N, C-alpha and C. Protein backbone atom coordinates (compact mmCIF):
# COMPACT_ATOMS: atom_id res chain seq x y z
N UNK A 1 -4.72 -8.27 -20.25
CA UNK A 1 -5.69 -7.55 -19.41
C UNK A 1 -4.84 -6.74 -18.45
N UNK A 2 -5.23 -5.47 -18.14
CA UNK A 2 -4.47 -4.66 -17.26
C UNK A 2 -5.14 -4.67 -15.84
N UNK A 3 -4.37 -4.19 -14.87
CA UNK A 3 -4.87 -4.11 -13.51
C UNK A 3 -6.05 -3.08 -13.49
N UNK A 4 -5.94 -2.01 -14.25
CA UNK A 4 -7.04 -1.00 -14.27
C UNK A 4 -8.34 -1.61 -14.74
N UNK A 5 -8.22 -2.53 -15.72
CA UNK A 5 -9.45 -3.24 -16.19
C UNK A 5 -9.94 -4.22 -15.13
N UNK A 6 -9.11 -4.95 -14.50
CA UNK A 6 -9.50 -5.86 -13.42
C UNK A 6 -10.09 -5.11 -12.22
N UNK A 7 -9.63 -3.88 -12.00
CA UNK A 7 -10.14 -3.08 -10.86
C UNK A 7 -11.60 -2.80 -10.99
N UNK A 8 -12.13 -2.90 -12.23
CA UNK A 8 -13.56 -2.64 -12.41
C UNK A 8 -14.41 -3.84 -12.14
N UNK A 9 -13.77 -5.02 -12.04
CA UNK A 9 -14.48 -6.21 -11.71
C UNK A 9 -14.95 -6.26 -10.25
N UNK A 10 -16.17 -6.62 -10.02
CA UNK A 10 -16.71 -6.66 -8.65
C UNK A 10 -15.96 -7.63 -7.78
N UNK A 11 -15.47 -8.71 -8.30
CA UNK A 11 -14.78 -9.75 -7.54
C UNK A 11 -13.33 -9.53 -7.32
N UNK A 12 -12.72 -8.43 -7.89
CA UNK A 12 -11.33 -8.09 -7.66
C UNK A 12 -11.33 -6.82 -6.82
N UNK A 13 -10.79 -6.97 -5.62
CA UNK A 13 -10.88 -5.82 -4.69
C UNK A 13 -9.54 -5.12 -4.41
N UNK A 14 -8.49 -5.69 -4.90
CA UNK A 14 -7.15 -5.02 -4.69
C UNK A 14 -6.02 -5.81 -5.32
N UNK A 15 -4.81 -5.33 -5.07
CA UNK A 15 -3.63 -5.92 -5.58
C UNK A 15 -2.49 -5.74 -4.55
N UNK A 16 -1.62 -6.71 -4.54
CA UNK A 16 -0.41 -6.66 -3.75
C UNK A 16 0.74 -6.43 -4.74
N UNK A 17 1.37 -5.28 -4.69
CA UNK A 17 2.47 -4.97 -5.63
C UNK A 17 3.77 -5.48 -5.04
N UNK A 18 4.27 -6.54 -5.62
CA UNK A 18 5.48 -7.09 -5.15
C UNK A 18 6.71 -6.74 -6.03
N UNK A 19 6.45 -5.84 -6.94
CA UNK A 19 7.55 -5.37 -7.78
C UNK A 19 8.46 -4.42 -7.08
N UNK A 20 9.52 -4.05 -7.64
CA UNK A 20 10.46 -3.12 -7.01
C UNK A 20 10.61 -1.83 -7.84
N UNK A 21 9.43 -1.44 -8.44
CA UNK A 21 9.40 -0.30 -9.33
C UNK A 21 8.42 0.72 -8.82
N UNK A 22 8.86 1.77 -8.18
CA UNK A 22 7.92 2.78 -7.57
C UNK A 22 7.14 3.43 -8.71
N UNK A 23 7.62 3.61 -9.87
CA UNK A 23 6.89 4.21 -10.97
C UNK A 23 5.63 3.38 -11.30
N UNK A 24 5.79 2.05 -11.29
CA UNK A 24 4.62 1.22 -11.54
C UNK A 24 3.59 1.36 -10.44
N UNK A 25 4.03 1.43 -9.18
CA UNK A 25 3.14 1.62 -8.05
C UNK A 25 2.37 2.91 -8.22
N UNK A 26 3.02 3.97 -8.63
CA UNK A 26 2.34 5.26 -8.84
C UNK A 26 1.31 5.12 -9.92
N UNK A 27 1.59 4.41 -10.97
CA UNK A 27 0.57 4.15 -12.02
C UNK A 27 -0.59 3.41 -11.46
N UNK A 28 -0.33 2.42 -10.61
CA UNK A 28 -1.50 1.73 -9.98
C UNK A 28 -2.43 2.67 -9.20
N UNK A 29 -1.81 3.55 -8.47
CA UNK A 29 -2.59 4.51 -7.68
C UNK A 29 -3.46 5.48 -8.63
N UNK A 30 -2.82 5.86 -9.73
CA UNK A 30 -3.46 6.79 -10.65
C UNK A 30 -4.57 6.16 -11.51
N UNK A 31 -4.41 4.86 -11.82
CA UNK A 31 -5.25 4.27 -12.82
C UNK A 31 -6.36 3.37 -12.26
N UNK A 32 -6.41 3.26 -10.96
CA UNK A 32 -7.42 2.39 -10.32
C UNK A 32 -8.33 3.23 -9.44
N UNK A 33 -9.55 2.77 -9.24
CA UNK A 33 -10.48 3.50 -8.40
C UNK A 33 -10.00 3.59 -6.92
N UNK A 34 -10.36 4.66 -6.22
CA UNK A 34 -9.90 4.86 -4.88
C UNK A 34 -10.25 3.68 -3.97
N UNK A 35 -11.38 3.04 -4.20
CA UNK A 35 -11.82 1.91 -3.32
C UNK A 35 -11.06 0.57 -3.64
N UNK A 36 -10.24 0.60 -4.68
CA UNK A 36 -9.43 -0.56 -5.00
C UNK A 36 -8.22 -0.58 -4.14
N UNK A 37 -8.05 -1.60 -3.28
CA UNK A 37 -6.93 -1.69 -2.34
C UNK A 37 -5.61 -1.98 -3.01
N UNK A 38 -4.59 -1.20 -2.65
CA UNK A 38 -3.26 -1.43 -3.17
C UNK A 38 -2.28 -1.58 -2.00
N UNK A 39 -1.65 -2.73 -1.95
CA UNK A 39 -0.71 -2.99 -0.91
C UNK A 39 0.70 -3.08 -1.49
N UNK A 40 1.65 -2.56 -0.76
CA UNK A 40 3.05 -2.55 -1.19
C UNK A 40 3.77 -3.61 -0.43
N UNK A 41 4.72 -4.32 -1.11
CA UNK A 41 5.47 -5.37 -0.48
C UNK A 41 6.91 -4.91 -0.21
N UNK A 42 7.40 -4.07 -1.06
CA UNK A 42 8.83 -3.61 -0.96
C UNK A 42 9.03 -2.78 0.40
N UNK A 43 9.85 -3.27 1.24
CA UNK A 43 10.18 -2.60 2.47
C UNK A 43 10.93 -1.24 2.14
N UNK A 44 11.66 -1.21 1.11
CA UNK A 44 12.37 -0.03 0.69
C UNK A 44 11.43 1.14 0.37
N UNK A 45 10.24 0.78 -0.13
CA UNK A 45 9.27 1.79 -0.54
C UNK A 45 8.03 1.89 0.38
N UNK A 46 8.14 1.26 1.49
CA UNK A 46 6.93 1.14 2.41
C UNK A 46 6.47 2.57 2.82
N UNK A 47 7.31 3.33 3.42
CA UNK A 47 6.89 4.62 3.94
C UNK A 47 6.43 5.50 2.83
N UNK A 48 7.18 5.58 1.78
CA UNK A 48 6.82 6.39 0.64
C UNK A 48 5.51 5.95 0.03
N UNK A 49 5.27 4.71 -0.07
CA UNK A 49 4.03 4.18 -0.64
C UNK A 49 2.87 4.50 0.24
N UNK A 50 3.03 4.41 1.56
CA UNK A 50 1.92 4.71 2.49
C UNK A 50 1.61 6.25 2.40
N UNK A 51 2.62 7.05 2.28
CA UNK A 51 2.34 8.52 2.17
C UNK A 51 1.71 8.83 0.82
N UNK A 52 1.93 8.07 -0.18
CA UNK A 52 1.29 8.30 -1.51
C UNK A 52 -0.10 7.79 -1.58
N UNK A 53 -0.49 6.92 -0.67
CA UNK A 53 -1.87 6.43 -0.67
C UNK A 53 -2.03 4.96 -0.66
N UNK A 54 -0.95 4.18 -0.43
CA UNK A 54 -1.12 2.69 -0.32
C UNK A 54 -2.02 2.39 0.84
N UNK A 55 -2.82 1.31 0.70
CA UNK A 55 -3.71 0.91 1.76
C UNK A 55 -3.01 0.13 2.84
N UNK A 56 -1.75 -0.25 2.61
CA UNK A 56 -0.99 -0.98 3.55
C UNK A 56 0.22 -1.52 2.92
N UNK A 57 1.05 -2.27 3.71
CA UNK A 57 2.21 -2.91 3.13
C UNK A 57 2.41 -4.27 3.84
N UNK A 58 2.98 -5.23 3.09
CA UNK A 58 3.16 -6.58 3.55
C UNK A 58 4.60 -6.96 3.37
N UNK A 59 5.47 -6.44 4.24
CA UNK A 59 6.87 -6.66 4.11
C UNK A 59 7.31 -8.03 4.66
N UNK A 60 8.20 -8.71 3.98
CA UNK A 60 8.70 -9.96 4.48
C UNK A 60 9.46 -9.82 5.80
N UNK A 61 10.07 -8.68 6.03
CA UNK A 61 10.79 -8.44 7.24
C UNK A 61 9.92 -8.31 8.49
N UNK A 62 8.59 -8.22 8.26
CA UNK A 62 7.70 -8.15 9.44
C UNK A 62 7.67 -9.44 10.20
N UNK A 63 8.13 -10.58 9.58
CA UNK A 63 8.20 -11.81 10.28
C UNK A 63 9.28 -11.81 11.32
N UNK A 64 10.31 -10.96 11.02
CA UNK A 64 11.49 -10.90 11.93
C UNK A 64 11.46 -9.72 12.83
N UNK A 65 10.97 -8.56 12.29
CA UNK A 65 10.96 -7.31 13.06
C UNK A 65 9.54 -6.68 13.02
N UNK A 66 8.55 -7.33 13.57
CA UNK A 66 7.18 -6.77 13.46
C UNK A 66 7.03 -5.43 14.14
N UNK A 67 7.60 -5.25 15.33
CA UNK A 67 7.46 -4.01 16.06
C UNK A 67 8.08 -2.82 15.28
N UNK A 68 9.24 -3.10 14.73
CA UNK A 68 9.92 -2.06 14.01
C UNK A 68 9.17 -1.61 12.82
N UNK A 69 8.63 -2.52 12.06
CA UNK A 69 7.84 -2.13 10.86
C UNK A 69 6.47 -1.55 11.24
N UNK A 70 5.93 -1.91 12.36
CA UNK A 70 4.69 -1.28 12.81
C UNK A 70 4.91 0.19 13.13
N UNK A 71 6.10 0.55 13.52
CA UNK A 71 6.39 2.00 13.81
C UNK A 71 6.37 2.80 12.52
N UNK A 72 6.54 2.13 11.39
CA UNK A 72 6.41 2.85 10.10
C UNK A 72 4.97 3.00 9.66
N UNK A 73 4.20 1.94 9.80
CA UNK A 73 2.86 1.94 9.39
C UNK A 73 1.91 2.74 10.20
N UNK A 74 1.97 2.68 11.46
CA UNK A 74 1.05 3.33 12.33
C UNK A 74 1.10 4.87 12.27
N UNK A 75 2.31 5.49 12.35
CA UNK A 75 2.33 6.95 12.23
C UNK A 75 1.89 7.47 10.86
N UNK A 76 2.06 6.72 9.82
CA UNK A 76 1.69 7.18 8.48
C UNK A 76 0.11 7.26 8.35
N UNK A 77 -0.60 6.59 9.21
CA UNK A 77 -2.05 6.68 9.18
C UNK A 77 -2.70 7.48 10.30
N UNK A 78 -1.83 8.08 11.12
CA UNK A 78 -2.37 8.86 12.25
C UNK A 78 -2.00 10.36 12.12
N UNK A 79 -2.92 11.17 12.47
CA UNK A 79 -2.70 12.63 12.50
C UNK A 79 -2.06 13.05 13.80
N UNK A 80 -1.57 14.25 13.89
CA UNK A 80 -0.95 14.74 15.14
C UNK A 80 -1.86 14.63 16.37
N UNK A 81 -3.16 14.70 16.17
CA UNK A 81 -4.11 14.58 17.30
C UNK A 81 -4.35 13.15 17.66
N UNK A 82 -3.61 12.17 17.05
CA UNK A 82 -3.67 10.75 17.28
C UNK A 82 -4.92 10.06 16.75
N UNK A 83 -5.67 10.74 15.87
CA UNK A 83 -6.78 10.08 15.21
C UNK A 83 -6.19 9.32 14.03
N UNK A 84 -6.55 8.09 13.90
CA UNK A 84 -5.94 7.25 12.84
C UNK A 84 -6.99 6.90 11.75
N UNK A 85 -6.46 6.80 10.50
CA UNK A 85 -7.29 6.48 9.36
C UNK A 85 -7.08 5.01 9.04
N UNK A 86 -7.84 4.11 9.59
CA UNK A 86 -7.72 2.69 9.32
C UNK A 86 -8.82 2.35 8.39
């Protein structure tokens, strides 16, 4: 069964991508409905993933450097006029 198939199930609302393959992440974005939440785990791809449409990221480094990683997440969701898309 594929993630795209599971995305159609009412009880499955999203996925946390813990792989290290940005091409797979892009496929998740393309093949699932917009309301299906996609979270990125890879810190290396965090900003790129947020810019491409990830709903958030769950980096392990946030346990050690939460403020630093918040500086990546917050600006990616805010426009120059400071309105944020949460």
